[in-house]
């Protein structure tokens, strides 16, 4: 329906935001709002959240955990 799926996922706290892929500054605000409102993954305790880049590193090199 014309909505930016990436922005919607970040807004809902369903996705991490990669700054290097940002097309505009609005995505920063969407993530900040999601964090402040504790939506989606931001509702989890810090120890239960794992950044995608960290997860991939652990899967590729399990001995380095």
PDB file of N, CA and C in Angstrom:
ATOM      1  N   UNK A   1       0.836  -1.195   0.000  1.00  0.00           N
ATOM      2  CA  UNK A   1       0.000   0.000   0.000  1.00  0.00           C
ATOM      3  C   UNK A   1       0.876   1.253   0.000  1.00  0.00           C
ATOM      4  N   UNK A   2       2.083   1.138  -0.521  1.00  0.00           N
ATOM      5  CA  UNK A   2       2.959   2.289  -0.611  1.00  0.00           C
ATOM      6  C   UNK A   2       3.778   2.558   0.631  1.00  0.00           C
ATOM      7  N   UNK A   3       3.628   1.727   1.679  1.00  0.00           N
ATOM      8  CA  UNK A   3       4.398   1.933   2.904  1.00  0.00           C
ATOM      9  C   UNK A   3       5.783   1.308   2.761  1.00  0.00           C
ATOM     10  N   UNK A   4       6.772   1.945   3.352  1.00  0.00           N
ATOM     11  CA  UNK A   4       8.145   1.439   3.360  1.00  0.00           C
ATOM     12  C   UNK A   4       8.220   0.302   4.379  1.00  0.00           C
ATOM     13  N   UNK A   5       8.401  -0.920   3.907  1.00  0.00           N
ATOM     14  CA  UNK A   5       8.414  -2.081   4.777  1.00  0.00           C
ATOM     15  C   UNK A   5       9.542  -2.009   5.797  1.00  0.00           C
ATOM     16  N   UNK A   6      10.714  -1.610   5.379  1.00  0.00           N
ATOM     17  CA  UNK A   6      11.847  -1.498   6.306  1.00  0.00           C
ATOM     18  C   UNK A   6      11.525  -0.528   7.443  1.00  0.00           C
ATOM     19  N   UNK A   7      10.974   0.600   7.102  1.00  0.00           N
ATOM     20  CA  UNK A   7      10.616   1.598   8.111  1.00  0.00           C
ATOM     21  C   UNK A   7       9.543   1.055   9.051  1.00  0.00           C
ATOM     22  N   UNK A   8       8.579   0.333   8.516  1.00  0.00           N
ATOM     23  CA  UNK A   8       7.512  -0.237   9.351  1.00  0.00           C
ATOM     24  C   UNK A   8       8.079  -1.255  10.337  1.00  0.00           C
ATOM     25  N   UNK A   9       9.009  -2.079   9.883  1.00  0.00           N
ATOM     26  CA  UNK A   9       9.617  -3.078  10.767  1.00  0.00           C
ATOM     27  C   UNK A   9      10.418  -2.418  11.879  1.00  0.00           C
ATOM     28  N   UNK A  10      11.167  -1.391  11.548  1.00  0.00           N
ATOM     29  CA  UNK A  10      11.949  -0.667  12.557  1.00  0.00           C
ATOM     30  C   UNK A  10      11.003   0.046  13.521  1.00  0.00           C
ATOM     31  N   UNK A  11       9.983   0.684  13.004  1.00  0.00           N
ATOM     32  CA  UNK A  11       8.999   1.402  13.829  1.00  0.00           C
ATOM     33  C   UNK A  11       8.336   0.472  14.839  1.00  0.00           C
ATOM     34  N   UNK A  12       8.044  -0.757  14.416  1.00  0.00           N
ATOM     35  CA  UNK A  12       7.367  -1.726  15.282  1.00  0.00           C
ATOM     36  C   UNK A  12       8.320  -2.495  16.183  1.00  0.00           C
ATOM     37  N   UNK A  13       9.610  -2.222  16.062  1.00  0.00           N
ATOM     38  CA  UNK A  13      10.591  -2.917  16.876  1.00  0.00           C
ATOM     39  C   UNK A  13      10.813  -4.348  16.422  1.00  0.00           C
ATOM     40  N   UNK A  14      10.534  -4.624  15.155  1.00  0.00           N
ATOM     41  CA  UNK A  14      10.671  -5.978  14.610  1.00  0.00           C
ATOM     42  C   UNK A  14      11.967  -6.152  13.833  1.00  0.00           C
ATOM     43  N   UNK A  15      12.760  -5.102  13.745  1.00  0.00           N
ATOM     44  CA  UNK A  15      14.015  -5.188  12.992  1.00  0.00           C
ATOM     45  C   UNK A  15      15.021  -4.202  13.568  1.00  0.00           C
ATOM     46  N   UNK A  16      16.289  -4.568  13.445  1.00  0.00           N
ATOM     47  CA  UNK A  16      17.377  -3.677  13.796  1.00  0.00           C
ATOM     48  C   UNK A  16      17.617  -2.726  12.628  1.00  0.00           C
ATOM     49  N   UNK A  17      18.159  -1.595  12.928  1.00  0.00           N
ATOM     50  CA  UNK A  17      18.422  -0.588  11.917  1.00  0.00           C
ATOM     51  C   UNK A  17      19.908  -0.554  11.594  1.00  0.00           C
ATOM     52  N   UNK A  18      20.246  -0.649  10.324  1.00  0.00           N
ATOM     53  CA  UNK A  18      21.631  -0.547   9.869  1.00  0.00           C
ATOM     54  C   UNK A  18      21.861   0.856   9.310  1.00  0.00           C
ATOM     55  N   UNK A  19      22.605   1.654  10.034  1.00  0.00           N
ATOM     56  CA  UNK A  19      22.810   3.052   9.653  1.00  0.00           C
ATOM     57  C   UNK A  19      23.414   3.199   8.260  1.00  0.00           C
ATOM     58  N   UNK A  20      24.282   2.285   7.866  1.00  0.00           N
ATOM     59  CA  UNK A  20      24.937   2.422   6.566  1.00  0.00           C
ATOM     60  C   UNK A  20      23.983   2.251   5.382  1.00  0.00           C
ATOM     61  N   UNK A  21      22.789   1.722   5.640  1.00  0.00           N
ATOM     62  CA  UNK A  21      21.823   1.548   4.561  1.00  0.00           C
ATOM     63  C   UNK A  21      20.692   2.573   4.597  1.00  0.00           C
ATOM     64  N   UNK A  22      20.778   3.547   5.488  1.00  0.00           N
ATOM     65  CA  UNK A  22      19.716   4.545   5.625  1.00  0.00           C
ATOM     66  C   UNK A  22      19.645   5.429   4.396  1.00  0.00           C
ATOM     67  N   UNK A  23      18.459   5.624   3.908  1.00  0.00           N
ATOM     68  CA  UNK A  23      18.248   6.527   2.773  1.00  0.00           C
ATOM     69  C   UNK A  23      17.890   7.929   3.244  1.00  0.00           C
ATOM     70  N   UNK A  24      17.340   8.007   4.459  1.00  0.00           N
ATOM     71  CA  UNK A  24      17.042   9.313   5.038  1.00  0.00           C
ATOM     72  C   UNK A  24      17.098   9.204   6.560  1.00  0.00           C
ATOM     73  N   UNK A  25      17.077  10.334   7.204  1.00  0.00           N
ATOM     74  CA  UNK A  25      17.259  10.387   8.653  1.00  0.00           C
ATOM     75  C   UNK A  25      16.035   9.933   9.440  1.00  0.00           C
ATOM     76  N   UNK A  26      14.889   9.792   8.817  1.00  0.00           N
ATOM     77  CA  UNK A  26      13.669   9.449   9.551  1.00  0.00           C
ATOM     78  C   UNK A  26      13.751   8.081  10.221  1.00  0.00           C
ATOM     79  N   UNK A  27      14.525   7.170   9.669  1.00  0.00           N
ATOM     80  CA  UNK A  27      14.622   5.828  10.249  1.00  0.00           C
ATOM     81  C   UNK A  27      15.294   5.878  11.624  1.00  0.00           C
ATOM     82  N   UNK A  28      16.200   6.827  11.830  1.00  0.00           N
ATOM     83  CA  UNK A  28      16.827   7.004  13.144  1.00  0.00           C
ATOM     84  C   UNK A  28      15.759   7.308  14.200  1.00  0.00           C
ATOM     85  N   UNK A  29      14.862   8.197  13.849  1.00  0.00           N
ATOM     86  CA  UNK A  29      13.796   8.588  14.774  1.00  0.00           C
ATOM     87  C   UNK A  29      12.842   7.426  15.028  1.00  0.00           C
ATOM     88  N   UNK A  30      12.543   6.653  13.993  1.00  0.00           N
ATOM     89  CA  UNK A  30      11.653   5.506  14.163  1.00  0.00           C
ATOM     90  C   UNK A  30      12.241   4.503  15.156  1.00  0.00           C
ATOM     91  N   UNK A  31      13.540   4.226  15.031  1.00  0.00           N
ATOM     92  CA  UNK A  31      14.161   3.288  15.964  1.00  0.00           C
ATOM     93  C   UNK A  31      14.197   3.872  17.373  1.00  0.00           C
ATOM     94  N   UNK A  32      14.516   5.124  17.484  1.00  0.00           N
ATOM     95  CA  UNK A  32      14.555   5.773  18.793  1.00  0.00           C
ATOM     96  C   UNK A  32      13.185   5.716  19.465  1.00  0.00           C
ATOM     97  N   UNK A  33      12.141   5.998  18.699  1.00  0.00           N
ATOM     98  CA  UNK A  33      10.775   5.930  19.238  1.00  0.00           C
ATOM     99  C   UNK A  33      10.426   4.511  19.674  1.00  0.00           C
ATOM    100  N   UNK A  34      10.806   3.514  18.880  1.00  0.00           N
ATOM    101  CA  UNK A  34      10.531   2.118  19.228  1.00  0.00           C
ATOM    102  C   UNK A  34      11.272   1.732  20.510  1.00  0.00           C
ATOM    103  N   UNK A  35      12.511   2.165  20.625  1.00  0.00           N
ATOM    104  CA  UNK A  35      13.293   1.875  21.840  1.00  0.00           C
ATOM    105  C   UNK A  35      12.628   2.522  23.058  1.00  0.00           C
ATOM    106  N   UNK A  36      12.296   3.803  22.929  1.00  0.00           N
ATOM    107  CA  UNK A  36      11.691   4.532  24.049  1.00  0.00           C
ATOM    108  C   UNK A  36      10.359   3.910  24.474  1.00  0.00           C
ATOM    109  N   UNK A  37       9.589   3.432  23.499  1.00  0.00           N
ATOM    110  CA  UNK A  37       8.276   2.838  23.784  1.00  0.00           C
ATOM    111  C   UNK A  37       8.378   1.356  24.141  1.00  0.00           C
ATOM    112  N   UNK A  38       9.595   0.800  24.050  1.00  0.00           N
ATOM    113  CA  UNK A  38       9.835  -0.620  24.322  1.00  0.00           C
ATOM    114  C   UNK A  38       8.923  -1.520  23.479  1.00  0.00           C
ATOM    115  N   UNK A  39       8.913  -1.208  22.168  1.00  0.00           N
ATOM    116  CA  UNK A  39       8.135  -2.021  21.236  1.00  0.00           C
ATOM    117  C   UNK A  39       8.996  -3.141  20.678  1.00  0.00           C
ATOM    118  N   UNK A  40       8.364  -4.273  20.453  1.00  0.00           N
ATOM    119  CA  UNK A  40       9.033  -5.385  19.793  1.00  0.00           C
ATOM    120  C   UNK A  40      10.263  -5.845  20.534  1.00  0.00           C
ATOM    121  N   UNK A  41      11.383  -5.968  19.816  1.00  0.00           N
ATOM    122  CA  UNK A  41      12.608  -6.484  20.418  1.00  0.00           C
ATOM    123  C   UNK A  41      13.113  -5.603  21.542  1.00  0.00           C
ATOM    124  N   UNK A  42      12.730  -4.337  21.548  1.00  0.00           N
ATOM    125  CA  UNK A  42      13.179  -3.417  22.605  1.00  0.00           C
ATOM    126  C   UNK A  42      12.462  -3.674  23.922  1.00  0.00           C
ATOM    127  N   UNK A  43      11.413  -4.499  23.911  1.00  0.00           N
ATOM    128  CA  UNK A  43      10.727  -4.873  25.147  1.00  0.00           C
ATOM    129  C   UNK A  43      11.476  -5.987  25.879  1.00  0.00           C
ATOM    130  N   UNK A  44      12.358  -6.665  25.170  1.00  0.00           N
ATOM    131  CA  UNK A  44      13.132  -7.751  25.772  1.00  0.00           C
ATOM    132  C   UNK A  44      14.225  -7.195  26.677  1.00  0.00           C
ATOM    133  N   UNK A  45      14.575  -7.941  27.721  1.00  0.00           N
ATOM    134  CA  UNK A  45      15.735  -7.517  28.518  1.00  0.00           C
ATOM    135  C   UNK A  45      16.982  -7.503  27.642  1.00  0.00           C
ATOM    136  N   UNK A  46      17.903  -6.637  27.937  1.00  0.00           N
ATOM    137  CA  UNK A  46      19.119  -6.479  27.122  1.00  0.00           C
ATOM    138  C   UNK A  46      19.828  -7.817  26.899  1.00  0.00           C
ATOM    139  N   UNK A  47      19.902  -8.639  27.928  1.00  0.00           N
ATOM    140  CA  UNK A  47      20.618  -9.910  27.798  1.00  0.00           C
ATOM    141  C   UNK A  47      19.905 -10.907  26.878  1.00  0.00           C
ATOM    142  N   UNK A  48      18.641 -10.660  26.553  1.00  0.00           N
ATOM    143  CA  UNK A  48      17.898 -11.537  25.643  1.00  0.00           C
ATOM    144  C   UNK A  48      17.905 -11.041  24.205  1.00  0.00           C
ATOM    145  N   UNK A  49      18.478  -9.864  23.972  1.00  0.00           N
ATOM    146  CA  UNK A  49      18.581  -9.326  22.612  1.00  0.00           C
ATOM    147  C   UNK A  49      19.969  -9.609  22.069  1.00  0.00           C
ATOM    148  N   UNK A  50      20.031  -9.988  20.802  1.00  0.00           N
ATOM    149  CA  UNK A  50      21.337 -10.182  20.173  1.00  0.00           C
ATOM    150  C   UNK A  50      21.299  -9.530  18.798  1.00  0.00           C
ATOM    151  N   UNK A  51      22.258  -8.659  18.557  1.00  0.00           N
ATOM    152  CA  UNK A  51      22.314  -7.954  17.284  1.00  0.00           C
ATOM    153  C   UNK A  51      22.539  -8.961  16.150  1.00  0.00           C
ATOM    154  N   UNK A  52      21.935  -8.733  14.992  1.00  0.00           N
ATOM    155  CA  UNK A  52      22.073  -9.677  13.877  1.00  0.00           C
ATOM    156  C   UNK A  52      23.523  -9.920  13.492  1.00  0.00           C
ATOM    157  N   UNK A  53      24.341  -8.875  13.506  1.00  0.00           N
ATOM    158  CA  UNK A  53      25.746  -9.034  13.136  1.00  0.00           C
ATOM    159  C   UNK A  53      26.481  -9.903  14.164  1.00  0.00           C
ATOM    160  N   UNK A  54      26.100  -9.816  15.418  1.00  0.00           N
ATOM    161  CA  UNK A  54      26.706 -10.656  16.454  1.00  0.00           C
ATOM    162  C   UNK A  54      26.234 -12.107  16.315  1.00  0.00           C
ATOM    163  N   UNK A  55      24.961 -12.285  16.026  1.00  0.00           N
ATOM    164  CA  UNK A  55      24.430 -13.639  15.811  1.00  0.00           C
ATOM    165  C   UNK A  55      25.154 -14.326  14.655  1.00  0.00           C
ATOM    166  N   UNK A  56      25.311 -13.612  13.546  1.00  0.00           N
ATOM    167  CA  UNK A  56      26.001 -14.199  12.388  1.00  0.00           C
ATOM    168  C   UNK A  56      27.453 -14.531  12.728  1.00  0.00           C
ATOM    169  N   UNK A  57      28.110 -13.676  13.482  1.00  0.00           N
ATOM    170  CA  UNK A  57      29.487 -13.943  13.875  1.00  0.00           C
ATOM    171  C   UNK A  57      29.565 -15.218  14.712  1.00  0.00           C
ATOM    172  N   UNK A  58      28.639 -15.390  15.629  1.00  0.00           N
ATOM    173  CA  UNK A  58      28.634 -16.569  16.481  1.00  0.00           C
ATOM    174  C   UNK A  58      28.328 -17.841  15.692  1.00  0.00           C
ATOM    175  N   UNK A  59      27.448 -17.743  14.709  1.00  0.00           N
ATOM    176  CA  UNK A  59      27.109 -18.914  13.893  1.00  0.00           C
ATOM    177  C   UNK A  59      28.294 -19.298  13.026  1.00  0.00           C
ATOM    178  N   UNK A  60      28.984 -18.329  12.479  1.00  0.00           N
ATOM    179  CA  UNK A  60      30.139 -18.605  11.618  1.00  0.00           C
ATOM    180  C   UNK A  60      31.339 -19.123  12.401  1.00  0.00           C
ATOM    181  N   UNK A  61      31.524 -18.613  13.598  1.00  0.00           N
ATOM    182  CA  UNK A  61      32.688 -18.967  14.425  1.00  0.00           C
ATOM    183  C   UNK A  61      32.225 -19.337  15.829  1.00  0.00           C
ATOM    184  N   UNK A  62      31.553 -20.469  15.997  1.00  0.00           N
ATOM    185  CA  UNK A  62      30.980 -20.807  17.303  1.00  0.00           C
ATOM    186  C   UNK A  62      31.994 -20.911  18.428  1.00  0.00           C
ATOM    187  N   UNK A  63      33.243 -21.195  18.141  1.00  0.00           N
ATOM    188  CA  UNK A  63      34.245 -21.321  19.196  1.00  0.00           C
ATOM    189  C   UNK A  63      34.606 -19.972  19.817  1.00  0.00           C
ATOM    190  N   UNK A  64      34.267 -18.872  19.169  1.00  0.00           N
ATOM    191  CA  UNK A  64      34.632 -17.533  19.654  1.00  0.00           C
ATOM    192  C   UNK A  64      33.600 -16.918  20.592  1.00  0.00           C
ATOM    193  N   UNK A  65      32.628 -17.630  21.004  1.00  0.00           N
ATOM    194  CA  UNK A  65      31.560 -17.070  21.849  1.00  0.00           C
ATOM    195  C   UNK A  65      32.058 -16.578  23.130  1.00  0.00           C
TER     196      UNK A  65
END
